[in-house]
Amino acid sequence: MCAVARTGGISELAERTAVSSASLAEALGATATPSFDGIRSIMHALGLRLTAQVVE
């Protein structure tokens, strides 16, 4: 949620992800289980990329 605050808040992120503010707030809640596509959308809107790394 800190990253959301830095980007201008839930409303701006909702516009950038084409998801309603209510749905976005629910998806980012502590007990949420968002879909992979939802996480990918949010990360893309924040300028982030998810990568996999081999565990050694």
PDB file of N, CA and C in Angstrom:
ATOM      1  N   MET A   1       0.812  -1.195   0.000  1.00  0.00           N
ATOM      2  CA  MET A   1       0.000   0.000   0.000  1.00  0.00           C
ATOM      3  C   MET A   1       0.857   1.262   0.000  1.00  0.00           C
ATOM      4  N   CYS A   2       2.080   1.188   0.496  1.00  0.00           N
ATOM      5  CA  CYS A   2       2.951   2.364   0.477  1.00  0.00           C
ATOM      6  C   CYS A   2       3.232   2.799  -0.948  1.00  0.00           C
ATOM      7  N   ALA A   3       3.458   1.840  -1.837  1.00  0.00           N
ATOM      8  CA  ALA A   3       3.705   2.171  -3.237  1.00  0.00           C
ATOM      9  C   ALA A   3       2.488   2.851  -3.842  1.00  0.00           C
ATOM     10  N   VAL A   4       1.301   2.436  -3.467  1.00  0.00           N
ATOM     11  CA  VAL A   4       0.069   3.053  -3.963  1.00  0.00           C
ATOM     12  C   VAL A   4       0.014   4.498  -3.509  1.00  0.00           C
ATOM     13  N   ALA A   5       0.358   4.755  -2.272  1.00  0.00           N
ATOM     14  CA  ALA A   5       0.346   6.123  -1.743  1.00  0.00           C
ATOM     15  C   ALA A   5       1.333   6.996  -2.506  1.00  0.00           C
ATOM     16  N   ARG A   6       2.496   6.462  -2.852  1.00  0.00           N
ATOM     17  CA  ARG A   6       3.499   7.235  -3.574  1.00  0.00           C
ATOM     18  C   ARG A   6       3.055   7.562  -4.998  1.00  0.00           C
ATOM     19  N   THR A   7       2.210   6.743  -5.602  1.00  0.00           N
ATOM     20  CA  THR A   7       1.785   6.979  -6.978  1.00  0.00           C
ATOM     21  C   THR A   7       0.615   7.943  -7.077  1.00  0.00           C
ATOM     22  N   GLY A   8       0.060   8.361  -5.992  1.00  0.00           N
ATOM     23  CA  GLY A   8      -1.047   9.297  -6.027  1.00  0.00           C
ATOM     24  C   GLY A   8      -2.325   8.737  -5.460  1.00  0.00           C
ATOM     25  N   GLY A   9      -2.278   7.543  -4.929  1.00  0.00           N
ATOM     26  CA  GLY A   9      -3.439   6.981  -4.270  1.00  0.00           C
ATOM     27  C   GLY A   9      -4.210   5.970  -5.095  1.00  0.00           C
ATOM     28  N   ILE A  10      -5.207   5.406  -4.429  1.00  0.00           N
ATOM     29  CA  ILE A  10      -6.037   4.358  -5.023  1.00  0.00           C
ATOM     30  C   ILE A  10      -6.749   4.861  -6.276  1.00  0.00           C
ATOM     31  N   SER A  11      -7.276   6.081  -6.248  1.00  0.00           N
ATOM     32  CA  SER A  11      -8.041   6.606  -7.385  1.00  0.00           C
ATOM     33  C   SER A  11      -7.201   6.666  -8.651  1.00  0.00           C
ATOM     34  N   GLU A  12      -5.989   7.194  -8.534  1.00  0.00           N
ATOM     35  CA  GLU A  12      -5.124   7.289  -9.711  1.00  0.00           C
ATOM     36  C   GLU A  12      -4.724   5.901 -10.207  1.00  0.00           C
ATOM     37  N   LEU A  13      -4.401   5.012  -9.291  1.00  0.00           N
ATOM     38  CA  LEU A  13      -4.025   3.657  -9.678  1.00  0.00           C
ATOM     39  C   LEU A  13      -5.214   2.939 -10.325  1.00  0.00           C
ATOM     40  N   ALA A  14      -6.405   3.179  -9.821  1.00  0.00           N
ATOM     41  CA  ALA A  14      -7.607   2.580 -10.402  1.00  0.00           C
ATOM     42  C   ALA A  14      -7.776   3.023 -11.853  1.00  0.00           C
ATOM     43  N   GLU A  15      -7.533   4.288 -12.124  1.00  0.00           N
ATOM     44  CA  GLU A  15      -7.615   4.782 -13.500  1.00  0.00           C
ATOM     45  C   GLU A  15      -6.573   4.119 -14.380  1.00  0.00           C
ATOM     46  N   ARG A  16      -5.357   3.974 -13.866  1.00  0.00           N
ATOM     47  CA  ARG A  16      -4.264   3.397 -14.649  1.00  0.00           C
ATOM     48  C   ARG A  16      -4.441   1.909 -14.896  1.00  0.00           C
ATOM     49  N   THR A  17      -5.189   1.221 -14.044  1.00  0.00           N
ATOM     50  CA  THR A  17      -5.383  -0.220 -14.201  1.00  0.00           C
ATOM     51  C   THR A  17      -6.753  -0.575 -14.758  1.00  0.00           C
ATOM     52  N   ALA A  18      -7.614   0.417 -14.952  1.00  0.00           N
ATOM     53  CA  ALA A  18      -8.987   0.197 -15.440  1.00  0.00           C
ATOM     54  C   ALA A  18      -9.776  -0.710 -14.495  1.00  0.00           C
ATOM     55  N   VAL A  19      -9.525  -0.551 -13.198  1.00  0.00           N
ATOM     56  CA  VAL A  19     -10.220  -1.306 -12.150  1.00  0.00           C
ATOM     57  C   VAL A  19     -10.855  -0.275 -11.224  1.00  0.00           C
ATOM     58  N   SER A  20     -12.037  -0.553 -10.704  1.00  0.00           N
ATOM     59  CA  SER A  20     -12.678   0.410  -9.803  1.00  0.00           C
ATOM     60  C   SER A  20     -11.854   0.571  -8.525  1.00  0.00           C
ATOM     61  N   SER A  21     -11.981   1.740  -7.919  1.00  0.00           N
ATOM     62  CA  SER A  21     -11.262   2.013  -6.675  1.00  0.00           C
ATOM     63  C   SER A  21     -11.636   1.007  -5.589  1.00  0.00           C
ATOM     64  N   ALA A  22     -12.914   0.667  -5.505  1.00  0.00           N
ATOM     65  CA  ALA A  22     -13.366  -0.288  -4.487  1.00  0.00           C
ATOM     66  C   ALA A  22     -12.737  -1.659  -4.707  1.00  0.00           C
ATOM     67  N   SER A  23     -12.721  -2.116  -5.951  1.00  0.00           N
ATOM     68  CA  SER A  23     -12.126  -3.421  -6.256  1.00  0.00           C
ATOM     69  C   SER A  23     -10.633  -3.422  -5.997  1.00  0.00           C
ATOM     70  N   LEU A  24      -9.989  -2.328  -6.342  1.00  0.00           N
ATOM     71  CA  LEU A  24      -8.553  -2.215  -6.133  1.00  0.00           C
ATOM     72  C   LEU A  24      -8.215  -2.212  -4.643  1.00  0.00           C
ATOM     73  N   ALA A  25      -8.968  -1.465  -3.857  1.00  0.00           N
ATOM     74  CA  ALA A  25      -8.734  -1.434  -2.411  1.00  0.00           C
ATOM     75  C   ALA A  25      -8.949  -2.815  -1.805  1.00  0.00           C
ATOM     76  N   GLU A  26      -9.952  -3.528  -2.284  1.00  0.00           N
ATOM     77  CA  GLU A  26     -10.211  -4.884  -1.801  1.00  0.00           C
ATOM     78  C   GLU A  26      -9.062  -5.819  -2.186  1.00  0.00           C
ATOM     79  N   ALA A  27      -8.570  -5.691  -3.416  1.00  0.00           N
ATOM     80  CA  ALA A  27      -7.486  -6.549  -3.894  1.00  0.00           C
ATOM     81  C   ALA A  27      -6.189  -6.311  -3.134  1.00  0.00           C
ATOM     82  N   LEU A  28      -6.002  -5.094  -2.630  1.00  0.00           N
ATOM     83  CA  LEU A  28      -4.772  -4.762  -1.904  1.00  0.00           C
ATOM     84  C   LEU A  28      -4.918  -4.919  -0.392  1.00  0.00           C
ATOM     85  N   GLY A  29      -6.071  -5.355   0.053  1.00  0.00           N
ATOM     86  CA  GLY A  29      -6.314  -5.537   1.485  1.00  0.00           C
ATOM     87  C   GLY A  29      -5.478  -6.671   2.069  1.00  0.00           C
ATOM     88  N   ALA A  30      -5.339  -6.657   3.370  1.00  0.00           N
ATOM     89  CA  ALA A  30      -4.503  -7.632   4.071  1.00  0.00           C
ATOM     90  C   ALA A  30      -4.979  -9.073   3.913  1.00  0.00           C
ATOM     91  N   THR A  31      -6.269  -9.280   3.745  1.00  0.00           N
ATOM     92  CA  THR A  31      -6.796 -10.648   3.633  1.00  0.00           C
ATOM     93  C   THR A  31      -7.157 -11.022   2.195  1.00  0.00           C
ATOM     94  N   ALA A  32      -6.745 -10.206   1.248  1.00  0.00           N
ATOM     95  CA  ALA A  32      -7.095 -10.425  -0.155  1.00  0.00           C
ATOM     96  C   ALA A  32      -6.327 -11.597  -0.774  1.00  0.00           C
ATOM     97  N   THR A  33      -6.930 -12.184  -1.777  1.00  0.00           N
ATOM     98  CA  THR A  33      -6.272 -13.210  -2.592  1.00  0.00           C
ATOM     99  C   THR A  33      -6.472 -12.837  -4.063  1.00  0.00           C
ATOM    100  N   PRO A  34      -5.780 -11.777  -4.516  1.00  0.00           N
ATOM    101  CA  PRO A  34      -5.974 -11.298  -5.881  1.00  0.00           C
ATOM    102  C   PRO A  34      -5.457 -12.292  -6.918  1.00  0.00           C
ATOM    103  N   SER A  35      -6.000 -12.194  -8.114  1.00  0.00           N
ATOM    104  CA  SER A  35      -5.559 -13.066  -9.206  1.00  0.00           C
ATOM    105  C   SER A  35      -4.184 -12.624  -9.702  1.00  0.00           C
ATOM    106  N   PHE A  36      -3.526 -13.503 -10.419  1.00  0.00           N
ATOM    107  CA  PHE A  36      -2.223 -13.164 -10.993  1.00  0.00           C
ATOM    108  C   PHE A  36      -2.371 -11.994 -11.961  1.00  0.00           C
ATOM    109  N   ASP A  37      -3.421 -12.015 -12.783  1.00  0.00           N
ATOM    110  CA  ASP A  37      -3.646 -10.913 -13.728  1.00  0.00           C
ATOM    111  C   ASP A  37      -3.845  -9.593 -12.995  1.00  0.00           C
ATOM    112  N   GLY A  38      -4.526  -9.639 -11.875  1.00  0.00           N
ATOM    113  CA  GLY A  38      -4.723  -8.434 -11.080  1.00  0.00           C
ATOM    114  C   GLY A  38      -3.410  -7.882 -10.551  1.00  0.00           C
ATOM    115  N   ILE A  39      -2.589  -8.771 -10.021  1.00  0.00           N
ATOM    116  CA  ILE A  39      -1.266  -8.359  -9.523  1.00  0.00           C
ATOM    117  C   ILE A  39      -0.423  -7.801 -10.662  1.00  0.00           C
ATOM    118  N   ARG A  40      -0.456  -8.470 -11.808  1.00  0.00           N
ATOM    119  CA  ARG A  40       0.322  -8.020 -12.968  1.00  0.00           C
ATOM    120  C   ARG A  40      -0.120  -6.627 -13.405  1.00  0.00           C
ATOM    121  N   SER A  41      -1.420  -6.381 -13.435  1.00  0.00           N
ATOM    122  CA  SER A  41      -1.957  -5.071 -13.813  1.00  0.00           C
ATOM    123  C   SER A  41      -1.499  -3.981 -12.855  1.00  0.00           C
ATOM    124  N   ILE A  42      -1.599  -4.267 -11.576  1.00  0.00           N
ATOM    125  CA  ILE A  42      -1.192  -3.298 -10.561  1.00  0.00           C
ATOM    126  C   ILE A  42       0.305  -3.018 -10.665  1.00  0.00           C
ATOM    127  N   MET A  43       1.092  -4.066 -10.800  1.00  0.00           N
ATOM    128  CA  MET A  43       2.539  -3.873 -10.903  1.00  0.00           C
ATOM    129  C   MET A  43       2.906  -3.074 -12.146  1.00  0.00           C
ATOM    130  N   HIS A  44       2.271  -3.371 -13.258  1.00  0.00           N
ATOM    131  CA  HIS A  44       2.543  -2.641 -14.505  1.00  0.00           C
ATOM    132  C   HIS A  44       2.211  -1.163 -14.327  1.00  0.00           C
ATOM    133  N   ALA A  45       1.083  -0.855 -13.703  1.00  0.00           N
ATOM    134  CA  ALA A  45       0.683   0.531 -13.477  1.00  0.00           C
ATOM    135  C   ALA A  45       1.661   1.262 -12.565  1.00  0.00           C
ATOM    136  N   LEU A  46       2.311   0.518 -11.674  1.00  0.00           N
ATOM    137  CA  LEU A  46       3.302   1.106 -10.770  1.00  0.00           C
ATOM    138  C   LEU A  46       4.695   1.141 -11.383  1.00  0.00           C
ATOM    139  N   GLY A  47       4.836   0.603 -12.601  1.00  0.00           N
ATOM    140  CA  GLY A  47       6.149   0.583 -13.247  1.00  0.00           C
ATOM    141  C   GLY A  47       7.056  -0.512 -12.722  1.00  0.00           C
ATOM    142  N   LEU A  48       6.450  -1.595 -12.239  1.00  0.00           N
ATOM    143  CA  LEU A  48       7.210  -2.721 -11.675  1.00  0.00           C
ATOM    144  C   LEU A  48       7.085  -3.954 -12.552  1.00  0.00           C
ATOM    145  N   ARG A  49       8.036  -4.853 -12.439  1.00  0.00           N
ATOM    146  CA  ARG A  49       8.014  -6.110 -13.173  1.00  0.00           C
ATOM    147  C   ARG A  49       8.302  -7.253 -12.205  1.00  0.00           C
ATOM    148  N   LEU A  50       7.548  -8.328 -12.340  1.00  0.00           N
ATOM    149  CA  LEU A  50       7.732  -9.523 -11.523  1.00  0.00           C
ATOM    150  C   LEU A  50       8.700 -10.447 -12.241  1.00  0.00           C
ATOM    151  N   THR A  51       9.713 -10.912 -11.545  1.00  0.00           N
ATOM    152  CA  THR A  51      10.668 -11.851 -12.140  1.00  0.00           C
ATOM    153  C   THR A  51      10.832 -13.070 -11.236  1.00  0.00           C
ATOM    154  N   ALA A  52      11.199 -14.171 -11.849  1.00  0.00           N
ATOM    155  CA  ALA A  52      11.452 -15.401 -11.108  1.00  0.00           C
ATOM    156  C   ALA A  52      12.960 -15.605 -10.993  1.00  0.00           C
ATOM    157  N   GLN A  53      13.376 -16.134  -9.861  1.00  0.00           N
ATOM    158  CA  GLN A  53      14.785 -16.377  -9.621  1.00  0.00           C
ATOM    159  C   GLN A  53      14.946 -17.752  -9.013  1.00  0.00           C
ATOM    160  N   VAL A  54      15.948 -18.471  -9.460  1.00  0.00           N
ATOM    161  CA  VAL A  54      16.212 -19.804  -8.950  1.00  0.00           C
ATOM    162  C   VAL A  54      16.660 -19.700  -7.496  1.00  0.00           C
ATOM    163  N   VAL A  55      16.074 -20.543  -6.646  1.00  0.00           N
ATOM    164  CA  VAL A  55      16.468 -20.601  -5.241  1.00  0.00           C
ATOM    165  C   VAL A  55      17.658 -21.533  -5.129  1.00  0.00           C
ATOM    166  N   GLU A  56      18.694 -21.060  -4.502  1.00  0.00           N
ATOM    167  CA  GLU A  56      19.903 -21.883  -4.379  1.00  0.00           C
ATOM    168  C   GLU A  56      20.033 -22.452  -3.000  1.00  0.00           C
TER     169      GLU A  56
END
